[in-house]
């Protein structure tokens, strides 16, 4: 599947009654897909992931056809925690996050959306700050440099 746009950047949203609005820039990217259906599931990094339905199915196919145990385990977690296919509600683009997934990702009243190309990760603001610090620390303490020159 060829993407016409990618999810990039970050936004913070408020959660009310387990519902949150997809940020407008991400909703615009989702509109480039054939349908506005999404799947929300858990990621072992401690966040949730939101995929357009087609992207989720493609990622599951890759994991399912892999011969790596880690991919089999990842697929199990995704399928186990997946909320199934949702359609965004209304023109605002609201969607639901189950209480179980919110607890698992330690998300309470605020959620940090982080665009990751073909999906969006959803984080507790505090957990994301901790994760971001660990990535920055790893980067500072390595002699290896990225392939892309900045």
N, C-alpha and C. Protein backbone atom coordinates (compact mmCIF):
# COMPACT_ATOMS: atom_id res chain seq x y z
N UNK A 1 0.84 -1.18 0.00
CA UNK A 1 0.00 0.00 0.00
C UNK A 1 0.88 1.24 0.00
N UNK A 2 0.62 2.13 -0.88
CA UNK A 2 1.40 3.36 -0.97
C UNK A 2 0.70 4.47 -0.19
N UNK A 3 1.43 5.09 0.71
CA UNK A 3 0.86 6.16 1.51
C UNK A 3 0.99 7.48 0.77
N UNK A 4 -0.02 8.30 0.88
CA UNK A 4 0.08 9.64 0.32
C UNK A 4 0.58 10.62 1.37
N UNK A 5 0.49 10.23 2.63
CA UNK A 5 0.96 11.08 3.73
C UNK A 5 1.37 10.17 4.88
N UNK A 6 2.17 10.73 5.79
CA UNK A 6 2.61 9.96 6.95
C UNK A 6 2.26 10.72 8.22
N UNK A 7 2.06 9.96 9.29
CA UNK A 7 1.82 10.56 10.59
C UNK A 7 3.15 11.05 11.14
N UNK A 8 3.27 12.36 11.37
CA UNK A 8 4.48 12.95 11.92
C UNK A 8 4.10 13.99 12.96
N UNK A 9 5.01 14.24 13.88
CA UNK A 9 4.78 15.26 14.91
C UNK A 9 4.14 14.69 16.14
N UNK A 10 3.86 15.57 17.10
CA UNK A 10 3.22 15.12 18.33
C UNK A 10 2.20 16.15 18.80
N UNK A 11 1.23 15.66 19.52
CA UNK A 11 0.13 16.47 20.03
C UNK A 11 -0.32 15.89 21.36
N UNK A 12 -0.90 16.72 22.20
CA UNK A 12 -1.46 16.24 23.46
C UNK A 12 -2.97 16.44 23.40
N UNK A 13 -3.71 15.41 23.80
CA UNK A 13 -5.17 15.48 23.82
C UNK A 13 -5.71 15.13 25.19
N UNK A 14 -6.92 15.55 25.44
CA UNK A 14 -7.60 15.25 26.69
C UNK A 14 -8.55 14.07 26.49
N UNK A 15 -8.67 13.26 27.53
CA UNK A 15 -9.55 12.10 27.49
C UNK A 15 -10.76 12.39 28.37
N UNK A 16 -11.95 12.17 27.82
CA UNK A 16 -13.19 12.32 28.56
C UNK A 16 -14.01 11.06 28.35
N UNK A 17 -14.33 10.39 29.45
CA UNK A 17 -15.13 9.15 29.40
C UNK A 17 -14.54 8.14 28.40
N UNK A 18 -13.24 7.95 28.49
CA UNK A 18 -12.50 6.99 27.64
C UNK A 18 -12.56 7.34 26.15
N UNK A 19 -12.86 8.58 25.83
CA UNK A 19 -12.89 9.01 24.45
C UNK A 19 -11.91 10.16 24.26
N UNK A 20 -11.29 10.18 23.08
CA UNK A 20 -10.31 11.22 22.76
C UNK A 20 -10.47 11.59 21.29
N UNK A 21 -10.13 12.81 20.97
CA UNK A 21 -10.22 13.28 19.59
C UNK A 21 -8.86 13.10 18.92
N UNK A 22 -8.87 12.49 17.74
CA UNK A 22 -7.65 12.36 16.94
C UNK A 22 -7.25 13.76 16.49
N UNK A 23 -5.99 14.17 16.76
CA UNK A 23 -5.56 15.52 16.34
C UNK A 23 -5.80 15.74 14.84
N UNK A 24 -6.17 16.97 14.51
CA UNK A 24 -6.54 17.32 13.13
C UNK A 24 -5.48 16.90 12.10
N UNK A 25 -4.17 17.16 12.34
CA UNK A 25 -3.18 16.74 11.32
C UNK A 25 -3.19 15.22 11.09
N UNK A 26 -3.44 14.45 12.16
CA UNK A 26 -3.47 12.99 12.01
C UNK A 26 -4.77 12.55 11.33
N UNK A 27 -5.85 13.26 11.60
CA UNK A 27 -7.11 12.95 10.94
C UNK A 27 -6.97 13.20 9.44
N UNK A 28 -6.26 14.26 9.07
CA UNK A 28 -6.04 14.55 7.65
C UNK A 28 -5.23 13.44 6.97
N UNK A 29 -4.23 12.90 7.68
CA UNK A 29 -3.46 11.78 7.13
C UNK A 29 -4.36 10.56 6.99
N UNK A 30 -5.16 10.29 8.01
CA UNK A 30 -6.06 9.14 7.96
C UNK A 30 -7.02 9.26 6.78
N UNK A 31 -7.40 10.47 6.44
CA UNK A 31 -8.30 10.68 5.30
C UNK A 31 -7.66 10.28 3.97
N UNK A 32 -6.33 10.12 3.93
CA UNK A 32 -5.67 9.68 2.69
C UNK A 32 -5.79 8.16 2.50
N UNK A 33 -6.29 7.48 3.51
CA UNK A 33 -6.51 6.02 3.42
C UNK A 33 -7.90 5.77 2.84
N UNK A 34 -8.13 4.56 2.34
CA UNK A 34 -9.43 4.26 1.74
C UNK A 34 -10.61 4.36 2.72
N UNK A 35 -10.35 4.22 4.01
CA UNK A 35 -11.40 4.26 5.02
C UNK A 35 -10.88 4.92 6.29
N UNK A 36 -11.79 5.47 7.09
CA UNK A 36 -11.37 6.09 8.34
C UNK A 36 -11.41 5.12 9.50
N UNK A 37 -11.44 3.83 9.21
CA UNK A 37 -11.45 2.82 10.26
C UNK A 37 -10.05 2.68 10.86
N UNK A 38 -10.01 2.50 12.19
CA UNK A 38 -8.75 2.41 12.90
C UNK A 38 -8.76 1.20 13.83
N UNK A 39 -7.57 0.81 14.27
CA UNK A 39 -7.40 -0.22 15.29
C UNK A 39 -6.45 0.34 16.33
N UNK A 40 -6.82 0.21 17.61
CA UNK A 40 -5.97 0.62 18.72
C UNK A 40 -5.59 -0.64 19.49
N UNK A 41 -4.30 -0.79 19.77
CA UNK A 41 -3.82 -1.95 20.52
C UNK A 41 -2.61 -1.55 21.36
N UNK A 42 -2.08 -2.50 22.12
CA UNK A 42 -0.97 -2.26 23.04
C UNK A 42 0.36 -2.55 22.36
N UNK A 43 1.38 -1.78 22.73
CA UNK A 43 2.74 -2.01 22.27
C UNK A 43 3.61 -2.29 23.49
N UNK A 44 4.47 -3.29 23.45
CA UNK A 44 5.30 -3.62 24.61
C UNK A 44 6.24 -2.49 25.08
N UNK A 45 6.41 -1.42 24.30
CA UNK A 45 7.21 -0.28 24.76
C UNK A 45 6.50 0.49 25.87
N UNK A 46 5.25 0.14 26.15
CA UNK A 46 4.51 0.81 27.20
C UNK A 46 3.52 1.83 26.69
N UNK A 47 3.28 1.83 25.40
CA UNK A 47 2.32 2.77 24.82
C UNK A 47 1.23 1.98 24.08
N UNK A 48 0.30 2.70 23.52
CA UNK A 48 -0.70 2.12 22.64
C UNK A 48 -0.34 2.52 21.22
N UNK A 49 -0.83 1.78 20.26
CA UNK A 49 -0.62 2.15 18.86
C UNK A 49 -1.97 2.22 18.16
N UNK A 50 -2.09 3.23 17.32
CA UNK A 50 -3.28 3.43 16.51
C UNK A 50 -2.84 3.27 15.06
N UNK A 51 -3.44 2.30 14.40
CA UNK A 51 -3.17 2.04 12.99
C UNK A 51 -4.42 2.30 12.18
N UNK A 52 -4.29 2.83 10.98
CA UNK A 52 -5.41 2.74 10.05
C UNK A 52 -5.66 1.23 9.84
N UNK A 53 -6.90 0.84 9.64
CA UNK A 53 -7.25 -0.59 9.54
C UNK A 53 -6.35 -1.32 8.55
N UNK A 54 -6.15 -0.76 7.36
CA UNK A 54 -5.33 -1.43 6.34
C UNK A 54 -3.89 -1.58 6.81
N UNK A 55 -3.36 -0.57 7.47
CA UNK A 55 -1.98 -0.64 7.98
C UNK A 55 -1.83 -1.69 9.06
N UNK A 56 -2.84 -1.81 9.92
CA UNK A 56 -2.81 -2.82 10.97
C UNK A 56 -2.82 -4.22 10.35
N UNK A 57 -3.69 -4.41 9.37
CA UNK A 57 -3.76 -5.72 8.71
C UNK A 57 -2.45 -6.06 8.02
N UNK A 58 -1.82 -5.08 7.36
CA UNK A 58 -0.53 -5.31 6.71
C UNK A 58 0.54 -5.69 7.73
N UNK A 59 0.58 -4.98 8.85
CA UNK A 59 1.58 -5.26 9.89
C UNK A 59 1.35 -6.65 10.49
N UNK A 60 0.09 -7.02 10.71
CA UNK A 60 -0.21 -8.36 11.24
C UNK A 60 0.21 -9.45 10.25
N UNK A 61 0.01 -9.21 8.96
CA UNK A 61 0.42 -10.18 7.94
C UNK A 61 1.94 -10.39 7.98
N UNK A 62 2.68 -9.30 8.12
CA UNK A 62 4.14 -9.41 8.20
C UNK A 62 4.54 -10.24 9.42
N UNK A 63 3.93 -9.95 10.58
CA UNK A 63 4.26 -10.70 11.79
C UNK A 63 3.86 -12.17 11.66
N UNK A 64 2.69 -12.40 11.08
CA UNK A 64 2.18 -13.76 10.93
C UNK A 64 3.06 -14.61 10.01
N UNK A 65 3.66 -13.99 9.01
CA UNK A 65 4.48 -14.73 8.05
C UNK A 65 5.96 -14.77 8.43
N UNK A 66 6.28 -14.26 9.59
CA UNK A 66 7.67 -14.27 10.04
C UNK A 66 7.99 -15.59 10.72
N UNK A 67 9.26 -15.97 10.69
CA UNK A 67 9.67 -17.18 11.39
C UNK A 67 10.34 -16.85 12.73
N UNK A 68 10.26 -15.59 13.16
CA UNK A 68 10.87 -15.17 14.43
C UNK A 68 9.87 -15.33 15.58
N UNK A 69 10.34 -15.89 16.68
CA UNK A 69 9.49 -16.03 17.86
C UNK A 69 9.00 -14.69 18.37
N UNK A 70 9.87 -13.68 18.33
CA UNK A 70 9.49 -12.36 18.84
C UNK A 70 8.30 -11.80 18.05
N UNK A 71 8.24 -12.06 16.76
CA UNK A 71 7.12 -11.60 15.94
C UNK A 71 5.83 -12.35 16.30
N UNK A 72 5.95 -13.63 16.58
CA UNK A 72 4.79 -14.42 17.00
C UNK A 72 4.24 -13.87 18.31
N UNK A 73 5.14 -13.54 19.24
CA UNK A 73 4.70 -12.99 20.52
C UNK A 73 4.08 -11.60 20.35
N UNK A 74 4.66 -10.79 19.49
CA UNK A 74 4.12 -9.46 19.23
C UNK A 74 2.71 -9.56 18.64
N UNK A 75 2.53 -10.46 17.67
CA UNK A 75 1.22 -10.66 17.07
C UNK A 75 0.21 -11.10 18.12
N UNK A 76 0.62 -11.99 19.01
CA UNK A 76 -0.28 -12.43 20.09
C UNK A 76 -0.72 -11.24 20.93
N UNK A 77 0.24 -10.40 21.34
CA UNK A 77 -0.10 -9.23 22.16
C UNK A 77 -1.04 -8.29 21.41
N UNK A 78 -0.72 -8.01 20.15
CA UNK A 78 -1.57 -7.12 19.37
C UNK A 78 -2.99 -7.66 19.26
N UNK A 79 -3.12 -8.93 18.94
CA UNK A 79 -4.46 -9.50 18.77
C UNK A 79 -5.19 -9.59 20.11
N UNK A 80 -4.44 -9.90 21.17
CA UNK A 80 -5.05 -10.00 22.49
C UNK A 80 -5.60 -8.66 22.97
N UNK A 81 -4.82 -7.60 22.80
CA UNK A 81 -5.22 -6.30 23.32
C UNK A 81 -5.98 -5.43 22.33
N UNK A 82 -6.07 -5.84 21.09
CA UNK A 82 -6.73 -5.03 20.08
C UNK A 82 -8.18 -4.76 20.46
N UNK A 83 -8.59 -3.51 20.28
CA UNK A 83 -9.98 -3.16 20.53
C UNK A 83 -10.85 -3.47 19.33
N UNK A 84 -10.28 -4.04 18.31
CA UNK A 84 -11.03 -4.31 17.10
C UNK A 84 -11.14 -3.04 16.27
N UNK A 85 -11.83 -3.14 15.18
CA UNK A 85 -11.93 -2.03 14.24
C UNK A 85 -12.95 -1.01 14.75
N UNK A 86 -12.55 0.26 14.75
CA UNK A 86 -13.44 1.35 15.13
C UNK A 86 -13.56 2.33 13.96
N UNK A 87 -14.66 3.01 13.91
CA UNK A 87 -14.84 4.12 12.98
C UNK A 87 -14.80 5.39 13.80
N UNK A 88 -14.07 6.40 13.32
CA UNK A 88 -14.04 7.66 14.03
C UNK A 88 -15.45 8.22 14.15
N UNK A 89 -15.75 8.79 15.33
CA UNK A 89 -17.09 9.31 15.58
C UNK A 89 -17.16 10.80 15.25
N UNK A 90 -18.12 11.17 14.46
CA UNK A 90 -18.40 12.57 14.19
C UNK A 90 -17.30 13.27 13.40
N UNK A 91 -17.55 14.54 13.14
CA UNK A 91 -16.59 15.31 12.36
C UNK A 91 -15.31 15.61 13.14
N UNK A 92 -15.39 15.55 14.47
CA UNK A 92 -14.20 15.81 15.29
C UNK A 92 -13.20 14.66 15.21
N UNK A 93 -13.68 13.46 14.91
CA UNK A 93 -12.77 12.31 14.83
C UNK A 93 -12.48 11.70 16.17
N UNK A 94 -13.52 11.55 16.98
CA UNK A 94 -13.36 10.98 18.32
C UNK A 94 -13.31 9.46 18.23
N UNK A 95 -12.54 8.84 19.12
CA UNK A 95 -12.51 7.39 19.21
C UNK A 95 -12.36 6.97 20.67
N UNK A 96 -12.60 5.70 20.93
CA UNK A 96 -12.62 5.17 22.29
C UNK A 96 -11.34 4.40 22.58
N UNK A 97 -10.89 4.50 23.83
CA UNK A 97 -9.79 3.68 24.33
C UNK A 97 -10.34 2.92 25.53
N UNK A 98 -10.26 1.62 25.53
CA UNK A 98 -10.82 0.83 26.63
C UNK A 98 -10.09 1.14 27.93
N UNK A 99 -10.79 0.96 29.04
CA UNK A 99 -10.20 1.17 30.36
C UNK A 99 -9.00 0.24 30.56
N UNK A 100 -9.09 -0.99 30.06
CA UNK A 100 -7.98 -1.94 30.19
C UNK A 100 -6.72 -1.41 29.51
N UNK A 101 -6.86 -0.90 28.29
CA UNK A 101 -5.70 -0.38 27.57
C UNK A 101 -5.17 0.91 28.22
N UNK A 102 -6.06 1.75 28.69
CA UNK A 102 -5.61 2.97 29.37
C UNK A 102 -4.81 2.61 30.61
N UNK A 103 -5.28 1.63 31.37
CA UNK A 103 -4.53 1.18 32.56
C UNK A 103 -3.18 0.60 32.16
N UNK A 104 -3.17 -0.23 31.14
CA UNK A 104 -1.94 -0.90 30.69
C UNK A 104 -0.88 0.13 30.29
N UNK A 105 -1.31 1.22 29.64
CA UNK A 105 -0.38 2.25 29.17
C UNK A 105 -0.24 3.40 30.16
N UNK A 106 -0.90 3.29 31.31
CA UNK A 106 -0.83 4.32 32.37
C UNK A 106 -1.34 5.67 31.89
N UNK A 107 -2.30 5.65 30.98
CA UNK A 107 -2.90 6.88 30.47
C UNK A 107 -4.08 7.24 31.36
N UNK A 108 -4.16 8.51 31.77
CA UNK A 108 -5.27 8.94 32.62
C UNK A 108 -6.10 10.00 31.89
N UNK A 109 -5.88 11.26 32.19
CA UNK A 109 -6.71 12.31 31.60
C UNK A 109 -6.10 12.98 30.37
N UNK A 110 -4.82 12.76 30.12
CA UNK A 110 -4.13 13.33 28.95
C UNK A 110 -3.43 12.21 28.21
N UNK A 111 -3.32 12.38 26.90
CA UNK A 111 -2.62 11.40 26.07
C UNK A 111 -1.72 12.15 25.10
N UNK A 112 -0.51 11.63 24.92
CA UNK A 112 0.44 12.21 23.97
C UNK A 112 0.40 11.37 22.70
N UNK A 113 0.04 12.01 21.59
CA UNK A 113 0.02 11.36 20.28
C UNK A 113 1.37 11.62 19.62
N UNK A 114 2.02 10.57 19.13
CA UNK A 114 3.30 10.72 18.46
C UNK A 114 3.21 10.02 17.10
N UNK A 115 3.33 10.80 16.03
CA UNK A 115 3.27 10.23 14.68
C UNK A 115 4.52 9.41 14.39
N UNK A 116 4.32 8.22 13.83
CA UNK A 116 5.44 7.32 13.56
C UNK A 116 5.38 6.78 12.14
N UNK A 117 5.06 7.62 11.19
CA UNK A 117 5.01 7.17 9.80
C UNK A 117 3.67 6.56 9.46
N UNK A 118 3.56 5.24 9.53
CA UNK A 118 2.30 4.59 9.16
C UNK A 118 1.41 4.28 10.37
N UNK A 119 1.79 4.75 11.56
CA UNK A 119 0.93 4.58 12.73
C UNK A 119 1.18 5.72 13.70
N UNK A 120 0.35 5.78 14.74
CA UNK A 120 0.48 6.79 15.78
C UNK A 120 0.63 6.07 17.11
N UNK A 121 1.64 6.44 17.89
CA UNK A 121 1.73 5.88 19.24
C UNK A 121 1.04 6.84 20.21
N UNK A 122 0.38 6.27 21.21
CA UNK A 122 -0.35 7.03 22.21
C UNK A 122 0.28 6.73 23.56
N UNK A 123 0.70 7.76 24.25
CA UNK A 123 1.47 7.61 25.48
C UNK A 123 0.84 8.37 26.64
N UNK A 124 1.10 7.87 27.84
CA UNK A 124 0.94 8.69 29.03
C UNK A 124 1.99 9.77 28.89
N UNK A 125 1.67 11.01 29.22
CA UNK A 125 2.62 12.11 29.08
C UNK A 125 3.88 11.81 29.89
N UNK A 126 3.71 11.32 31.13
CA UNK A 126 4.85 11.04 32.00
C UNK A 126 5.69 9.87 31.48
N UNK A 127 5.04 8.82 31.02
CA UNK A 127 5.77 7.65 30.50
C UNK A 127 6.55 8.04 29.25
N UNK A 128 5.94 8.89 28.39
CA UNK A 128 6.65 9.31 27.18
C UNK A 128 7.89 10.12 27.53
N UNK A 129 7.78 11.02 28.49
CA UNK A 129 8.94 11.83 28.88
C UNK A 129 10.08 10.94 29.37
N UNK A 130 9.74 9.90 30.11
CA UNK A 130 10.75 8.94 30.58
C UNK A 130 11.36 8.18 29.40
N UNK A 131 10.54 7.73 28.48
CA UNK A 131 10.99 7.00 27.30
C UNK A 131 11.90 7.89 26.44
N UNK A 132 11.47 9.14 26.25
CA UNK A 132 12.25 10.09 25.46
C UNK A 132 13.62 10.33 26.09
N UNK A 133 13.66 10.49 27.41
CA UNK A 133 14.95 10.68 28.10
C UNK A 133 15.86 9.47 27.90
N UNK A 134 15.30 8.26 27.95
CA UNK A 134 16.13 7.06 27.78
C UNK A 134 16.69 6.99 26.36
N UNK A 135 15.92 7.40 25.37
CA UNK A 135 16.40 7.41 23.97
C UNK A 135 17.51 8.45 23.82
N UNK A 136 17.30 9.63 24.38
CA UNK A 136 18.31 10.69 24.29
C UNK A 136 19.60 10.24 24.97
N UNK A 137 19.49 9.57 26.09
CA UNK A 137 20.67 9.09 26.83
C UNK A 137 21.42 8.04 26.02
N UNK A 138 20.69 7.11 25.40
CA UNK A 138 21.33 6.10 24.55
C UNK A 138 22.07 6.77 23.40
N UNK A 139 21.46 7.78 22.81
CA UNK A 139 22.07 8.48 21.68
C UNK A 139 23.34 9.21 22.12
N UNK A 140 23.29 9.87 23.27
CA UNK A 140 24.46 10.60 23.77
C UNK A 140 25.62 9.68 24.10
N UNK A 141 25.32 8.47 24.54
CA UNK A 141 26.34 7.57 25.03
C UNK A 141 26.81 6.55 23.99
N UNK A 142 26.58 6.80 22.73
CA UNK A 142 27.04 5.89 21.70
C UNK A 142 27.99 6.63 20.76
N UNK A 143 28.90 5.87 20.19
CA UNK A 143 29.79 6.45 19.19
C UNK A 143 29.23 6.25 17.80
N UNK A 144 28.22 5.38 17.70
CA UNK A 144 27.56 5.12 16.41
C UNK A 144 26.73 6.34 16.02
N UNK A 145 26.72 6.67 14.77
CA UNK A 145 25.98 7.84 14.30
C UNK A 145 24.91 7.42 13.31
N UNK A 146 23.83 8.20 13.22
CA UNK A 146 22.75 7.86 12.31
C UNK A 146 23.22 7.83 10.85
N UNK A 147 22.52 7.10 10.05
CA UNK A 147 22.83 7.02 8.62
C UNK A 147 22.52 8.33 7.91
N UNK A 148 21.59 9.08 8.44
CA UNK A 148 21.20 10.36 7.85
C UNK A 148 21.98 11.47 8.53
N UNK A 149 22.63 12.29 7.76
CA UNK A 149 23.37 13.42 8.34
C UNK A 149 22.42 14.58 8.52
N UNK A 150 22.44 15.11 9.71
CA UNK A 150 21.55 16.23 10.04
C UNK A 150 22.26 17.54 9.91
